[in-house]
Every structure is written in C-alpha cells, then in structure tokens.
Amino acid sequence: MEEGEAREIFAKLSKRLHPDKGGDKKDFAEMKCEYDDYNAIRRHFDEIQNIIDYNVRIRLENAKAQATAPQVNIGFNPLEMLNNINNIVTNISQGSEKINNIIDKINI
C-alpha cells in the first residue's frame, strides 16, 4: 500500500468515525492509534528493513557454515555404536526375563 493510499483511507475513516460527525469516540480513538502506529512504522521502515535483512543474512551465513563444515573422522560410526548398545541392552533385558522365569519355576 502506498503512503498516499493509506492517508486517503485513514482520512475517510476519520470523517466517518469522528465524534463530531456522529461516530463513536472509542472507535475513533482506536483508528487514530492505528494511524499513529502506521506512521511510526513508515518513519522507521528503513531501519526495520535493515534489521530484518541483517537477521536473514546471519541465518543464511550460519546455514552455509554448517553445510560446509568439514566432516571429522572419530574412528567409529555413532549410529552403528548406538545400535550395538541398543542390542546389548535388549539382550540383557531378555536375559533378565529368562532368569526371572527360571527363578519363578524353581520357587513353584
């Protein structure tokens, strides 16, 4: 929306909502606050745009740095190691169940 369009819209709203023209004070005050906020944003638009651009640039640089980070060989595959540990824990758990079953049978 161009600045001229916004002014025209707010001018029409102002005429319709103004208490002297039969409008509600609360509605007029709310519209006035919206207009003041709009003007503040328009005044600081370049600053806001620079902040947004800076944040986007930083995120892109971080993403690029992560994507191009060298791979480090740690001597083993962490996922394979995790699977091995999971298998060991499963085997221990199954062994415990078997032992508990044998103990239950002996106590009978």
C-alpha atoms as a PDB file:
ATOM      1  CA  MET A   1       0.000   0.000   0.000  1.00  0.00           C
ATOM      2  CA  GLU A   2       1.387   3.377  -0.969  1.00  0.00           C
ATOM      3  CA  GLU A   3       1.541   6.177   1.586  1.00  0.00           C
ATOM      4  CA  GLY A   4      -0.992   8.261  -0.367  1.00  0.00           C
ATOM      5  CA  GLU A   5      -3.484   5.384  -0.394  1.00  0.00           C
ATOM      6  CA  ALA A   6      -3.096   4.902   3.345  1.00  0.00           C
ATOM      7  CA  ARG A   7      -3.649   8.592   4.037  1.00  0.00           C
ATOM      8  CA  GLU A   8      -6.781   8.571   1.890  1.00  0.00           C
ATOM      9  CA  ILE A   9      -8.177   5.532   3.694  1.00  0.00           C
ATOM     10  CA  PHE A  10      -7.451   6.995   7.123  1.00  0.00           C
ATOM     11  CA  ALA A  11      -8.945  10.357   6.071  1.00  0.00           C
ATOM     12  CA  LYS A  12     -12.189   8.659   5.008  1.00  0.00           C
ATOM     13  CA  LEU A  13     -12.298   6.633   8.209  1.00  0.00           C
ATOM     14  CA  SER A  14     -11.568   9.716  10.253  1.00  0.00           C
ATOM     15  CA  LYS A  15     -14.501  11.608   8.704  1.00  0.00           C
ATOM     16  CA  ARG A  16     -16.839   8.680   9.268  1.00  0.00           C
ATOM     17  CA  LEU A  17     -15.695   7.815  12.817  1.00  0.00           C
ATOM     18  CA  HIS A  18     -15.134  11.329  14.210  1.00  0.00           C
ATOM     19  CA  PRO A  19     -17.404  12.014  17.211  1.00  0.00           C
ATOM     20  CA  ASP A  20     -18.367  15.423  15.755  1.00  0.00           C
ATOM     21  CA  LYS A  21     -19.737  13.564  12.704  1.00  0.00           C
ATOM     22  CA  GLY A  22     -21.771  11.100  14.787  1.00  0.00           C
ATOM     23  CA  GLY A  23     -19.078   8.475  15.221  1.00  0.00           C
ATOM     24  CA  ASP A  24     -18.115   6.648  18.394  1.00  0.00           C
ATOM     25  CA  LYS A  25     -15.268   8.142  20.477  1.00  0.00           C
ATOM     26  CA  LYS A  26     -13.807   4.714  21.198  1.00  0.00           C
ATOM     27  CA  ASP A  27     -13.791   3.689  17.510  1.00  0.00           C
ATOM     28  CA  PHE A  28     -12.233   6.995  16.520  1.00  0.00           C
ATOM     29  CA  ALA A  29      -9.527   6.712  19.201  1.00  0.00           C
ATOM     30  CA  GLU A  30      -8.757   3.152  18.097  1.00  0.00           C
ATOM     31  CA  MET A  31      -8.489   4.237  14.456  1.00  0.00           C
ATOM     32  CA  LYS A  32      -6.234   7.133  15.477  1.00  0.00           C
ATOM     33  CA  CYS A  33      -3.923   4.746  17.348  1.00  0.00           C
ATOM     34  CA  GLU A  34      -3.749   2.509  14.271  1.00  0.00           C
ATOM     35  CA  TYR A  35      -2.886   5.530  12.134  1.00  0.00           C
ATOM     36  CA  ASP A  36      -0.182   6.640  14.577  1.00  0.00           C
ATOM     37  CA  ASP A  37       1.279   3.107  14.589  1.00  0.00           C
ATOM     38  CA  TYR A  38       1.215   3.053  10.794  1.00  0.00           C
ATOM     39  CA  ASN A  39       3.070   6.383  10.644  1.00  0.00           C
ATOM     40  CA  ALA A  40       5.675   5.200  13.155  1.00  0.00           C
ATOM     41  CA  ILE A  41       6.306   2.081  11.098  1.00  0.00           C
ATOM     42  CA  ARG A  42       6.539   4.131   7.889  1.00  0.00           C
ATOM     43  CA  ARG A  43       9.041   6.513   9.531  1.00  0.00           C
ATOM     44  CA  HIS A  44      11.213   3.628  10.709  1.00  0.00           C
ATOM     45  CA  PHE A  45      10.640   1.318   7.754  1.00  0.00           C
ATOM     46  CA  ASP A  46      14.232   1.525   6.510  1.00  0.00           C
ATOM     47  CA  GLU A  47      15.583   0.715   9.979  1.00  0.00           C
ATOM     48  CA  ILE A  48      13.175  -2.206  10.341  1.00  0.00           C
ATOM     49  CA  GLN A  49      14.094  -3.476   6.873  1.00  0.00           C
ATOM     50  CA  ASN A  50      17.804  -3.262   7.735  1.00  0.00           C
ATOM     51  CA  ILE A  51      17.258  -5.272  10.928  1.00  0.00           C
ATOM     52  CA  ILE A  52      15.296  -7.928   9.031  1.00  0.00           C
ATOM     53  CA  ASP A  53      17.926  -8.071   6.285  1.00  0.00           C
ATOM     54  CA  TYR A  54      20.706  -8.391   8.876  1.00  0.00           C
ATOM     55  CA  ASN A  55      18.933 -11.262  10.673  1.00  0.00           C
ATOM     56  CA  VAL A  56      18.251 -13.083   7.405  1.00  0.00           C
ATOM     57  CA  ARG A  57      21.870 -12.611   6.303  1.00  0.00           C
ATOM     58  CA  ILE A  58      23.168 -14.002   9.626  1.00  0.00           C
ATOM     59  CA  ARG A  59      20.864 -17.039   9.380  1.00  0.00           C
ATOM     60  CA  LEU A  60      21.964 -17.713   5.812  1.00  0.00           C
ATOM     61  CA  GLU A  61      25.641 -17.394   6.753  1.00  0.00           C
ATOM     62  CA  ASN A  62      25.137 -19.778   9.695  1.00  0.00           C
ATOM     63  CA  ALA A  63      23.325 -22.280   7.478  1.00  0.00           C
ATOM     64  CA  LYS A  64      26.103 -22.070   4.896  1.00  0.00           C
ATOM     65  CA  ALA A  65      28.776 -22.526   7.580  1.00  0.00           C
ATOM     66  CA  GLN A  66      27.002 -25.607   8.917  1.00  0.00           C
ATOM     67  CA  ALA A  67      26.569 -27.051   5.438  1.00  0.00           C
ATOM     68  CA  THR A  68      30.246 -26.573   4.595  1.00  0.00           C
ATOM     69  CA  ALA A  69      31.681 -27.663   7.937  1.00  0.00           C
ATOM     70  CA  PRO A  70      34.352 -30.333   7.438  1.00  0.00           C
ATOM     71  CA  GLN A  71      33.465 -33.869   8.433  1.00  0.00           C
ATOM     72  CA  VAL A  72      35.533 -35.190  11.308  1.00  0.00           C
ATOM     73  CA  ASN A  73      36.501 -38.849  11.457  1.00  0.00           C
ATOM     74  CA  ILE A  74      36.044 -40.003  15.039  1.00  0.00           C
ATOM     75  CA  GLY A  75      37.053 -43.602  14.361  1.00  0.00           C
ATOM     76  CA  PHE A  76      33.588 -45.134  14.594  1.00  0.00           C
ATOM     77  CA  ASN A  77      30.082 -44.686  13.291  1.00  0.00           C
ATOM     78  CA  PRO A  78      27.963 -43.176  16.109  1.00  0.00           C
ATOM     79  CA  LEU A  79      24.724 -44.635  14.728  1.00  0.00           C
ATOM     80  CA  GLU A  80      26.260 -48.099  14.469  1.00  0.00           C
ATOM     81  CA  MET A  81      27.582 -47.773  18.027  1.00  0.00           C
ATOM     82  CA  LEU A  82      24.140 -46.713  19.244  1.00  0.00           C
ATOM     83  CA  ASN A  83      22.548 -49.732  17.528  1.00  0.00           C
ATOM     84  CA  ASN A  84      25.120 -52.020  19.157  1.00  0.00           C
ATOM     85  CA  ILE A  85      24.396 -50.569  22.585  1.00  0.00           C
ATOM     86  CA  ASN A  86      20.672 -50.921  21.960  1.00  0.00           C
ATOM     87  CA  ASN A  87      21.164 -54.586  21.026  1.00  0.00           C
ATOM     88  CA  ILE A  88      23.223 -55.224  24.175  1.00  0.00           C
ATOM     89  CA  VAL A  89      20.552 -53.614  26.374  1.00  0.00           C
ATOM     90  CA  THR A  90      17.847 -55.656  24.627  1.00  0.00           C
ATOM     91  CA  ASN A  91      19.833 -58.873  25.140  1.00  0.00           C
ATOM     92  CA  ILE A  92      20.393 -58.073  28.823  1.00  0.00           C
ATOM     93  CA  SER A  93      16.707 -57.315  29.233  1.00  0.00           C
ATOM     94  CA  GLN A  94      15.715 -60.576  27.547  1.00  0.00           C
ATOM     95  CA  GLY A  95      18.266 -62.458  29.639  1.00  0.00           C
ATOM     96  CA  SER A  96      16.827 -60.942  32.812  1.00  0.00           C
ATOM     97  CA  GLU A  97      13.377 -62.093  31.813  1.00  0.00           C
ATOM     98  CA  LYS A  98      14.658 -65.637  31.212  1.00  0.00           C
ATOM     99  CA  ILE A  99      16.416 -65.670  34.578  1.00  0.00           C
ATOM    100  CA  ASN A 100      13.295 -64.388  36.319  1.00  0.00           C
ATOM    101  CA  ASN A 101      11.222 -67.081  34.590  1.00  0.00           C
ATOM    102  CA  ILE A 102      13.656 -69.787  35.756  1.00  0.00           C
ATOM    103  CA  ILE A 103      13.604 -68.421  39.325  1.00  0.00           C
ATOM    104  CA  ASP A 104       9.790 -68.410  39.262  1.00  0.00           C
ATOM    105  CA  LYS A 105       9.767 -72.051  38.093  1.00  0.00           C
ATOM    106  CA  ILE A 106      12.208 -73.115  40.816  1.00  0.00           C
ATOM    107  CA  ASN A 107      10.096 -71.480  43.527  1.00  0.00           C
ATOM    108  CA  ILE A 108       6.998 -73.402  42.428  1.00  0.00           C
END
